Amino acid sequence: MGTAEIYEQLTELFREFFSNDDIVLKPDTSAKDIEGWDSFNHLSVMVAVETRFNVKMKTSELDKLANVGELVSAIEDKLERR
């Protein structure tokens, strides 16, 4: 799965999760850019990401993610390791 496909799937997931079809994810998109993406919803979003991509992330990995670009990189890394 390539980077563009990961962004497509993440965008779809975020739009569904936050009920906002206007969300456009970019590498520098972070929680402050999306209304409703708070610490509580962060965990739910990450569970949805793990399910969608069939990957498992450690809490320490999740804590280091500062933006969507870093999330995409982490997903790519997990998919490559399979």
N, C-alpha and C. Protein backbone atom coordinates (compact mmCIF):
# COMPACT_ATOMS: atom_id res chain seq x y z
N MET A 1 0.86 -1.18 0.00
CA MET A 1 0.00 0.00 0.00
C MET A 1 0.89 1.23 0.00
N GLY A 2 0.62 2.14 -0.92
CA GLY A 2 1.43 3.34 -1.05
C GLY A 2 0.94 4.49 -0.17
N THR A 3 1.77 5.50 -0.11
CA THR A 3 1.47 6.68 0.71
C THR A 3 0.13 7.32 0.32
N ALA A 4 -0.10 7.47 -0.98
CA ALA A 4 -1.35 8.11 -1.43
C ALA A 4 -2.57 7.32 -0.98
N GLU A 5 -2.48 6.00 -1.05
CA GLU A 5 -3.62 5.17 -0.63
C GLU A 5 -3.83 5.26 0.88
N ILE A 6 -2.76 5.35 1.63
CA ILE A 6 -2.88 5.51 3.08
C ILE A 6 -3.58 6.83 3.40
N TYR A 7 -3.17 7.91 2.72
CA TYR A 7 -3.83 9.21 2.93
C TYR A 7 -5.31 9.13 2.55
N GLU A 8 -5.62 8.45 1.45
CA GLU A 8 -7.02 8.30 1.04
C GLU A 8 -7.84 7.61 2.12
N GLN A 9 -7.31 6.49 2.61
CA GLN A 9 -8.04 5.73 3.62
C GLN A 9 -8.13 6.50 4.93
N LEU A 10 -7.06 7.19 5.32
CA LEU A 10 -7.11 7.99 6.55
C LEU A 10 -8.11 9.13 6.42
N THR A 11 -8.14 9.77 5.26
CA THR A 11 -9.08 10.86 5.05
C THR A 11 -10.51 10.35 5.18
N GLU A 12 -10.79 9.22 4.57
CA GLU A 12 -12.12 8.62 4.68
C GLU A 12 -12.46 8.31 6.13
N LEU A 13 -11.50 7.73 6.84
CA LEU A 13 -11.71 7.39 8.26
C LEU A 13 -11.98 8.64 9.08
N PHE A 14 -11.17 9.69 8.90
CA PHE A 14 -11.34 10.93 9.67
C PHE A 14 -12.67 11.60 9.34
N ARG A 15 -13.04 11.60 8.06
CA ARG A 15 -14.31 12.21 7.68
C ARG A 15 -15.48 11.49 8.34
N GLU A 16 -15.42 10.16 8.36
CA GLU A 16 -16.47 9.38 9.02
C GLU A 16 -16.47 9.61 10.52
N PHE A 17 -15.30 9.53 11.12
CA PHE A 17 -15.19 9.62 12.58
C PHE A 17 -15.66 10.98 13.09
N PHE A 18 -15.25 12.05 12.41
CA PHE A 18 -15.57 13.39 12.88
C PHE A 18 -16.80 13.97 12.18
N SER A 19 -17.48 13.17 11.36
CA SER A 19 -18.69 13.59 10.63
C SER A 19 -18.48 14.92 9.91
N ASN A 20 -17.37 14.98 9.16
CA ASN A 20 -17.02 16.21 8.46
C ASN A 20 -16.39 15.85 7.11
N ASP A 21 -17.17 15.99 6.05
CA ASP A 21 -16.69 15.67 4.71
C ASP A 21 -15.70 16.69 4.15
N ASP A 22 -15.46 17.76 4.87
CA ASP A 22 -14.54 18.80 4.41
C ASP A 22 -13.10 18.55 4.87
N ILE A 23 -12.87 17.53 5.67
CA ILE A 23 -11.52 17.26 6.18
C ILE A 23 -10.62 16.84 5.02
N VAL A 24 -9.47 17.53 4.92
CA VAL A 24 -8.43 17.18 3.96
C VAL A 24 -7.15 17.01 4.76
N LEU A 25 -6.64 15.80 4.79
CA LEU A 25 -5.44 15.53 5.57
C LEU A 25 -4.19 15.84 4.76
N LYS A 26 -3.26 16.53 5.42
CA LYS A 26 -1.96 16.85 4.85
C LYS A 26 -0.92 16.40 5.86
N PRO A 27 0.32 16.28 5.45
CA PRO A 27 1.35 15.81 6.40
C PRO A 27 1.41 16.62 7.69
N ASP A 28 1.16 17.92 7.62
CA ASP A 28 1.28 18.74 8.83
C ASP A 28 -0.03 18.89 9.60
N THR A 29 -1.11 18.20 9.17
CA THR A 29 -2.37 18.26 9.90
C THR A 29 -2.19 17.64 11.28
N SER A 30 -2.67 18.34 12.29
CA SER A 30 -2.58 17.83 13.66
C SER A 30 -3.93 17.99 14.35
N ALA A 31 -4.00 17.55 15.58
CA ALA A 31 -5.26 17.60 16.33
C ALA A 31 -5.82 19.02 16.42
N LYS A 32 -4.96 19.99 16.49
CA LYS A 32 -5.44 21.38 16.60
C LYS A 32 -6.16 21.85 15.34
N ASP A 33 -5.96 21.14 14.22
CA ASP A 33 -6.57 21.52 12.95
C ASP A 33 -7.96 20.92 12.72
N ILE A 34 -8.34 19.93 13.54
CA ILE A 34 -9.60 19.24 13.33
C ILE A 34 -10.47 19.37 14.58
N GLU A 35 -11.62 20.01 14.39
CA GLU A 35 -12.54 20.22 15.51
C GLU A 35 -12.99 18.88 16.08
N GLY A 36 -12.87 18.73 17.38
CA GLY A 36 -13.30 17.51 18.05
C GLY A 36 -12.19 16.50 18.28
N TRP A 37 -11.01 16.76 17.71
CA TRP A 37 -9.89 15.82 17.88
C TRP A 37 -9.16 16.20 19.16
N ASP A 38 -9.67 15.68 20.26
CA ASP A 38 -9.07 15.94 21.56
C ASP A 38 -8.40 14.66 22.06
N SER A 39 -7.88 14.69 23.28
CA SER A 39 -7.15 13.53 23.80
C SER A 39 -8.03 12.29 23.92
N PHE A 40 -9.29 12.48 24.25
CA PHE A 40 -10.20 11.34 24.36
C PHE A 40 -10.44 10.72 22.98
N ASN A 41 -10.77 11.56 22.01
CA ASN A 41 -11.02 11.05 20.66
C ASN A 41 -9.76 10.54 19.99
N HIS A 42 -8.61 11.03 20.41
CA HIS A 42 -7.35 10.56 19.84
C HIS A 42 -7.22 9.05 19.98
N LEU A 43 -7.52 8.55 21.15
CA LEU A 43 -7.42 7.10 21.38
C LEU A 43 -8.39 6.34 20.48
N SER A 44 -9.60 6.83 20.35
CA SER A 44 -10.59 6.18 19.49
C SER A 44 -10.17 6.21 18.02
N VAL A 45 -9.61 7.33 17.60
CA VAL A 45 -9.12 7.45 16.23
C VAL A 45 -8.00 6.44 15.99
N MET A 46 -7.09 6.32 16.94
CA MET A 46 -5.97 5.41 16.77
C MET A 46 -6.43 3.94 16.73
N VAL A 47 -7.44 3.62 17.52
CA VAL A 47 -8.00 2.26 17.46
C VAL A 47 -8.61 2.02 16.08
N ALA A 48 -9.30 3.02 15.55
CA ALA A 48 -9.90 2.90 14.22
C ALA A 48 -8.81 2.76 13.15
N VAL A 49 -7.71 3.48 13.31
CA VAL A 49 -6.57 3.38 12.38
C VAL A 49 -5.99 1.96 12.43
N GLU A 50 -5.78 1.46 13.64
CA GLU A 50 -5.25 0.10 13.77
C GLU A 50 -6.15 -0.92 13.10
N THR A 51 -7.45 -0.76 13.26
CA THR A 51 -8.40 -1.68 12.66
C THR A 51 -8.39 -1.56 11.14
N ARG A 52 -8.45 -0.34 10.65
CA ARG A 52 -8.51 -0.10 9.20
C ARG A 52 -7.29 -0.67 8.49
N PHE A 53 -6.11 -0.49 9.09
CA PHE A 53 -4.87 -0.91 8.43
C PHE A 53 -4.33 -2.24 8.94
N ASN A 54 -5.05 -2.82 9.89
CA ASN A 54 -4.64 -4.10 10.47
C ASN A 54 -3.21 -4.04 11.00
N VAL A 55 -2.94 -3.00 11.79
CA VAL A 55 -1.64 -2.83 12.43
C VAL A 55 -1.85 -2.62 13.93
N LYS A 56 -0.82 -2.79 14.68
CA LYS A 56 -0.88 -2.58 16.13
C LYS A 56 0.23 -1.60 16.50
N MET A 57 -0.13 -0.55 17.21
CA MET A 57 0.85 0.45 17.64
C MET A 57 0.95 0.48 19.15
N LYS A 58 2.16 0.65 19.60
CA LYS A 58 2.40 0.75 21.03
C LYS A 58 2.03 2.16 21.50
N THR A 59 1.68 2.26 22.76
CA THR A 59 1.34 3.56 23.33
C THR A 59 2.50 4.53 23.18
N SER A 60 3.71 4.04 23.36
CA SER A 60 4.88 4.92 23.23
C SER A 60 5.02 5.46 21.81
N GLU A 61 4.62 4.67 20.81
CA GLU A 61 4.66 5.14 19.43
C GLU A 61 3.59 6.21 19.20
N LEU A 62 2.42 5.97 19.74
CA LEU A 62 1.32 6.92 19.58
C LEU A 62 1.63 8.26 20.22
N ASP A 63 2.31 8.21 21.36
CA ASP A 63 2.65 9.44 22.09
C ASP A 63 3.60 10.34 21.30
N LYS A 64 4.38 9.74 20.40
CA LYS A 64 5.38 10.49 19.64
C LYS A 64 4.81 11.15 18.38
N LEU A 65 3.61 10.76 17.98
CA LEU A 65 3.04 11.27 16.74
C LEU A 65 2.57 12.71 16.92
N ALA A 66 3.15 13.61 16.14
CA ALA A 66 2.80 15.03 16.26
C ALA A 66 1.84 15.48 15.16
N ASN A 67 1.75 14.71 14.07
CA ASN A 67 0.89 15.12 12.96
C ASN A 67 0.55 13.91 12.08
N VAL A 68 -0.26 14.14 11.09
CA VAL A 68 -0.73 13.06 10.21
C VAL A 68 0.43 12.48 9.40
N GLY A 69 1.37 13.31 9.00
CA GLY A 69 2.53 12.81 8.26
C GLY A 69 3.29 11.76 9.04
N GLU A 70 3.46 11.98 10.34
CA GLU A 70 4.14 11.01 11.19
C GLU A 70 3.30 9.76 11.36
N LEU A 71 1.98 9.91 11.40
CA LEU A 71 1.08 8.76 11.49
C LEU A 71 1.20 7.92 10.22
N VAL A 72 1.20 8.58 9.06
CA VAL A 72 1.34 7.86 7.79
C VAL A 72 2.66 7.11 7.75
N SER A 73 3.73 7.74 8.19
CA SER A 73 5.04 7.07 8.22
C SER A 73 5.02 5.85 9.13
N ALA A 74 4.36 5.98 10.27
CA ALA A 74 4.27 4.85 11.21
C ALA A 74 3.46 3.70 10.59
N ILE A 75 2.39 4.04 9.90
CA ILE A 75 1.58 3.00 9.24
C ILE A 75 2.40 2.31 8.16
N GLU A 76 3.10 3.10 7.35
CA GLU A 76 3.95 2.53 6.30
C GLU A 76 4.98 1.57 6.89
N ASP A 77 5.59 1.99 7.98
CA ASP A 77 6.60 1.17 8.65
C ASP A 77 6.00 -0.15 9.12
N LYS A 78 4.83 -0.08 9.72
CA LYS A 78 4.16 -1.30 10.22
C LYS A 78 3.79 -2.23 9.06
N LEU A 79 3.30 -1.65 7.97
CA LEU A 79 2.90 -2.47 6.83
C LEU A 79 4.10 -3.13 6.16
N GLU A 80 5.22 -2.42 6.13
CA GLU A 80 6.44 -2.97 5.52
C GLU A 80 7.02 -4.11 6.35
N ARG A 81 6.81 -4.08 7.63
CA ARG A 81 7.38 -5.10 8.53
C ARG A 81 6.63 -6.42 8.49
N ARG A 82 5.47 -6.43 7.85
CA ARG A 82 4.69 -7.68 7.81
C ARG A 82 5.38 -8.73 7.01
